[in-house]
Protein backbone atom coordinates (compact mmCIF):
# COMPACT_ATOMS: atom_id res chain seq x y z
CA MET A 1 8.79 -9.59 82.66
CA SER A 2 11.80 -7.64 81.11
CA GLU A 3 15.04 -9.13 81.05
CA ASP A 4 16.59 -6.58 83.74
CA ALA A 5 13.42 -7.27 86.05
CA ALA A 6 14.03 -11.09 85.67
CA LYS A 7 17.69 -10.74 86.39
CA ILE A 8 17.15 -8.58 89.60
CA ARG A 9 14.49 -11.30 90.70
CA LEU A 10 17.12 -13.80 90.42
CA ILE A 11 19.78 -12.13 92.32
CA MET A 12 17.10 -11.59 94.98
CA GLU A 13 16.27 -15.27 95.04
CA LEU A 14 19.96 -16.06 95.21
CA ARG A 15 20.35 -13.96 98.25
CA GLN A 16 17.41 -15.23 99.86
CA SER A 17 18.86 -18.79 99.40
CA GLY A 18 21.83 -17.87 101.40
CA ILE A 19 24.33 -16.60 98.70
CA LYS A 20 26.18 -13.81 100.78
CA ASP A 21 29.26 -13.08 98.84
CA THR A 22 28.72 -9.81 97.21
CA ARG A 23 31.49 -10.30 94.59
CA VAL A 24 29.64 -13.44 93.50
CA LEU A 25 26.46 -11.87 93.33
CA SER A 26 27.98 -9.25 91.16
CA ALA A 27 29.41 -11.66 88.82
CA VAL A 28 26.29 -13.44 88.24
CA GLU A 29 24.53 -10.11 87.63
CA ARG A 30 27.15 -9.12 84.93
CA VAL A 31 27.35 -12.36 82.91
CA PRO A 32 24.54 -12.30 80.46
CA ARG A 33 23.03 -15.97 80.92
CA GLU A 34 20.94 -15.41 78.00
CA GLU A 35 24.04 -15.72 75.79
CA PHE A 36 24.78 -19.04 77.11
CA VAL A 37 21.52 -20.79 76.58
CA LEU A 38 19.93 -22.43 73.53
CA GLY A 39 17.76 -20.01 71.37
CA THR A 40 14.55 -21.81 72.47
CA PHE A 41 15.13 -21.29 76.15
CA VAL A 42 16.13 -17.62 76.10
CA ASP A 43 13.02 -16.55 77.83
CA GLN A 44 13.90 -18.95 80.78
CA ALA A 45 17.55 -17.50 81.02
CA TYR A 46 17.05 -15.67 84.32
CA GLU A 47 14.90 -18.59 86.09
CA ASN A 48 16.55 -20.52 88.69
CA THR A 49 16.64 -23.66 86.92
CA ALA A 50 19.03 -26.01 84.90
CA LEU A 51 18.58 -25.86 81.16
CA PRO A 52 19.59 -28.39 78.38
CA ILE A 53 22.67 -27.51 75.97
CA GLN A 54 23.86 -29.38 72.99
CA GLN A 55 25.41 -32.95 73.35
CA GLY A 56 23.14 -33.82 76.18
CA GLN A 57 24.83 -31.45 78.67
CA THR A 58 23.23 -28.78 80.81
CA ILE A 59 23.84 -25.26 81.73
CA SER A 60 23.68 -25.50 85.72
CA GLN A 61 20.91 -23.84 87.84
CA PRO A 62 22.26 -20.40 88.92
CA TYR A 63 21.94 -21.02 92.56
CA VAL A 64 24.28 -24.23 92.05
CA VAL A 65 26.62 -21.70 90.06
CA ALA A 66 26.66 -19.13 92.66
CA PHE A 67 27.08 -21.63 95.51
CA MET A 68 30.01 -23.55 93.99
CA THR A 69 31.73 -20.15 93.23
CA GLU A 70 31.24 -18.97 96.38
CA VAL A 71 32.60 -21.93 98.23
CA LEU A 72 35.63 -21.86 95.84
CA GLU A 73 36.55 -18.67 97.64
CA VAL A 74 38.15 -17.17 94.50
CA GLY A 75 40.59 -14.16 94.93
CA GLU A 76 41.31 -11.77 92.05
CA ARG A 77 45.00 -12.67 91.55
CA MET A 78 44.25 -16.26 91.50
CA LYS A 79 44.81 -18.88 88.60
CA VAL A 80 41.61 -21.16 88.47
CA LEU A 81 41.22 -24.41 86.57
CA GLU A 82 37.72 -25.64 85.33
CA ILE A 83 36.71 -28.94 84.06
CA GLY A 84 33.91 -29.08 81.93
CA THR A 85 33.31 -25.98 79.98
CA GLY A 86 30.03 -26.56 78.52
CA SER A 87 28.23 -23.54 77.53
CA GLY A 88 30.92 -21.35 79.12
CA TYR A 89 28.59 -19.75 81.61
CA GLN A 90 30.25 -20.96 84.75
CA ALA A 91 33.79 -20.02 83.22
CA ALA A 92 32.42 -16.56 82.52
CA VAL A 93 31.34 -16.24 86.15
CA LEU A 94 34.78 -17.21 87.37
CA SER A 95 36.62 -14.80 84.98
CA ARG A 96 34.83 -11.84 86.71
CA LEU A 97 36.44 -12.84 89.89
CA CYS A 98 40.15 -14.08 89.25
CA ARG A 99 43.31 -13.31 87.08
CA ARG A 100 42.87 -16.18 84.66
CA VAL A 101 40.36 -19.25 84.09
CA TYR A 102 41.74 -22.36 82.41
CA THR A 103 38.89 -24.63 81.29
CA VAL A 104 38.97 -27.97 79.52
CA GLU A 105 36.02 -29.62 77.39
CA ARG A 106 35.70 -33.04 76.09
CA TYR A 107 33.23 -31.97 73.27
CA ARG A 108 34.91 -30.11 70.53
CA SER A 109 31.75 -28.47 69.23
CA LEU A 110 30.77 -27.23 72.68
CA LEU A 111 34.16 -25.66 73.31
CA GLN A 112 34.09 -23.87 70.01
CA GLN A 113 30.81 -22.34 70.59
CA ALA A 114 31.89 -21.40 74.11
CA GLU A 115 35.04 -19.78 72.66
CA ARG A 116 32.99 -17.82 70.22
CA ARG A 117 30.84 -16.57 73.20
CA PHE A 118 34.02 -15.51 75.18
CA GLN A 119 35.30 -13.62 72.10
CA ARG A 120 32.02 -11.88 71.51
CA LEU A 121 31.62 -10.78 75.05
CA GLY A 122 35.12 -9.78 75.77
CA TYR A 123 36.31 -12.29 78.25
CA HIS A 124 39.86 -12.23 77.45
CA ASN A 125 41.15 -13.93 80.74
CA ILE A 126 39.66 -17.45 79.78
CA THR A 127 42.02 -20.04 78.30
CA THR A 128 40.59 -22.85 76.63
CA ARG A 129 41.48 -26.50 75.93
CA TYR A 130 39.80 -29.59 74.11
CA GLY A 131 40.59 -32.77 76.04
CA ASP A 132 39.98 -35.26 78.99
CA GLY A 133 39.27 -32.91 81.94
CA GLY A 134 40.17 -35.74 84.28
CA LEU A 135 43.77 -35.21 83.34
CA GLY A 136 43.48 -31.44 84.14
CA TRP A 137 46.05 -29.28 82.62
CA PRO A 138 49.47 -30.20 84.01
CA GLU A 139 51.40 -27.84 81.95
CA GLN A 140 49.81 -24.73 83.82
CA ALA A 141 49.80 -26.50 87.40
CA PRO A 142 49.65 -26.13 90.26
CA PHE A 143 46.36 -23.99 90.39
CA GLU A 144 45.10 -22.29 93.52
CA ARG A 145 41.40 -23.26 92.83
CA ILE A 146 39.82 -26.06 90.73
CA MET A 147 36.09 -26.39 89.84
CA VAL A 148 34.84 -29.62 88.40
CA THR A 149 31.20 -29.15 86.67
CA ALA A 150 30.61 -32.84 86.20
CA ALA A 151 30.25 -35.63 88.77
CA ALA A 152 32.90 -38.17 89.51
CA ASP A 153 32.66 -41.54 91.29
CA GLN A 154 35.79 -40.70 93.03
CA LEU A 155 38.47 -37.88 93.22
CA PRO A 156 40.56 -37.77 90.08
CA GLN A 157 44.30 -38.16 91.18
CA ALA A 158 45.56 -35.71 88.39
CA LEU A 159 43.39 -33.05 89.76
CA THR A 160 44.37 -33.38 93.38
CA ASP A 161 48.06 -33.42 92.23
CA GLN A 162 47.61 -30.04 90.38
CA LEU A 163 46.22 -28.44 93.43
CA ALA A 164 48.33 -26.08 95.11
CA VAL A 165 49.18 -26.29 98.79
CA GLY A 166 46.46 -24.06 100.37
CA GLY A 167 44.37 -24.49 97.49
CA ILE A 168 40.59 -25.52 97.01
CA LEU A 169 38.98 -28.01 94.84
CA ILE A 170 35.11 -28.13 94.33
CA ILE A 171 33.71 -31.21 92.76
CA PRO A 172 30.35 -33.22 92.73
CA LEU A 173 31.07 -36.70 93.92
CA GLY A 174 28.86 -39.72 94.03
CA ARG A 175 27.31 -42.41 91.90
CA GLY A 176 24.06 -41.92 90.01
CA ILE A 177 22.04 -38.73 89.70
CA MET A 178 20.62 -39.27 92.98
CA GLY A 179 23.71 -39.80 95.23
CA GLN A 180 25.76 -36.75 94.32
CA SER A 181 27.19 -34.13 96.62
CA VAL A 182 29.17 -30.96 96.06
CA VAL A 183 32.60 -31.56 98.04
CA ARG A 184 35.07 -29.21 98.92
CA ILE A 185 38.74 -30.30 99.24
CA ARG A 186 41.31 -28.26 100.68
CA ARG A 187 45.08 -29.16 100.29
CA THR A 188 47.20 -28.74 103.38
CA GLU A 189 50.84 -29.14 104.17
CA GLU A 190 49.79 -32.44 105.70
CA GLY A 191 47.37 -33.74 103.04
CA PHE A 192 43.70 -33.20 102.18
CA GLU A 193 40.64 -32.17 104.11
CA GLN A 194 37.17 -32.91 102.75
CA ASP A 195 33.75 -31.31 103.50
CA ASP A 196 30.39 -32.49 101.91
CA LEU A 197 28.31 -29.29 101.15
CA LEU A 198 25.31 -29.73 99.03
CA PRO A 199 23.37 -32.37 97.26
CA VAL A 200 23.27 -31.89 93.52
CA ARG A 201 22.56 -33.74 90.12
CA PHE A 202 25.31 -33.36 87.49
CA VAL A 203 25.99 -35.12 84.25
CA PRO A 204 28.96 -37.68 84.77
CA LEU A 205 32.59 -36.78 84.50
CA VAL A 206 33.64 -39.17 81.52
CA ALA A 207 37.25 -40.24 80.62
CA GLY A 208 38.80 -39.37 77.32
CA THR A 209 37.33 -37.08 74.42
CA ALA A 210 34.05 -37.32 72.73
CA GLU A 211 35.74 -37.73 69.25
CA ALA A 212 37.83 -40.65 70.75
CA GLU A 213 34.55 -42.53 71.69
CA ASN A 214 33.47 -42.36 68.09
CA ARG A 215 36.50 -44.03 66.35
């Protein structure tokens, strides 16, 4: 099957799985996933499955990327914070939908590879930082939208603090691979509202940076 045919099949599968937002579907269609996977998995780039990347991390299943992006309700003038750059694929999808993406990664090698991809593919509205994602990016707060692409045991206080009133935070919450759920947090004038949306399996959100662990 050709790459174009595989991409069309994937978009049709996402539609059939309930992804309705045409802006999200268009963003997934326009981002070349084959540029974000390891060379040995290029032939699987448009299969609806998660794939391994370096440092024991993964590039998420396209359905999960599309679902989390859809429920984030991203507007074209918004400033979005992403925690967990990984391969850069989710940030690239978000960048097609908003004004600017700020993305934080705890593995320097992953971040450098993602930065090279962003530059090569012309994603100039993505700003990157090497650091502890659980701390967010306070200098750029508040954010209208925040997406976390690793699972936390509980909501990181720093991230809820950096969410604008009226904003939405999407995060996988739960202990262990089998107990996780994508959660949507809305910040209101009175506080926070939480909705559990989808069972998932994500790598854990870990405090600190990878280099700090090796000292």
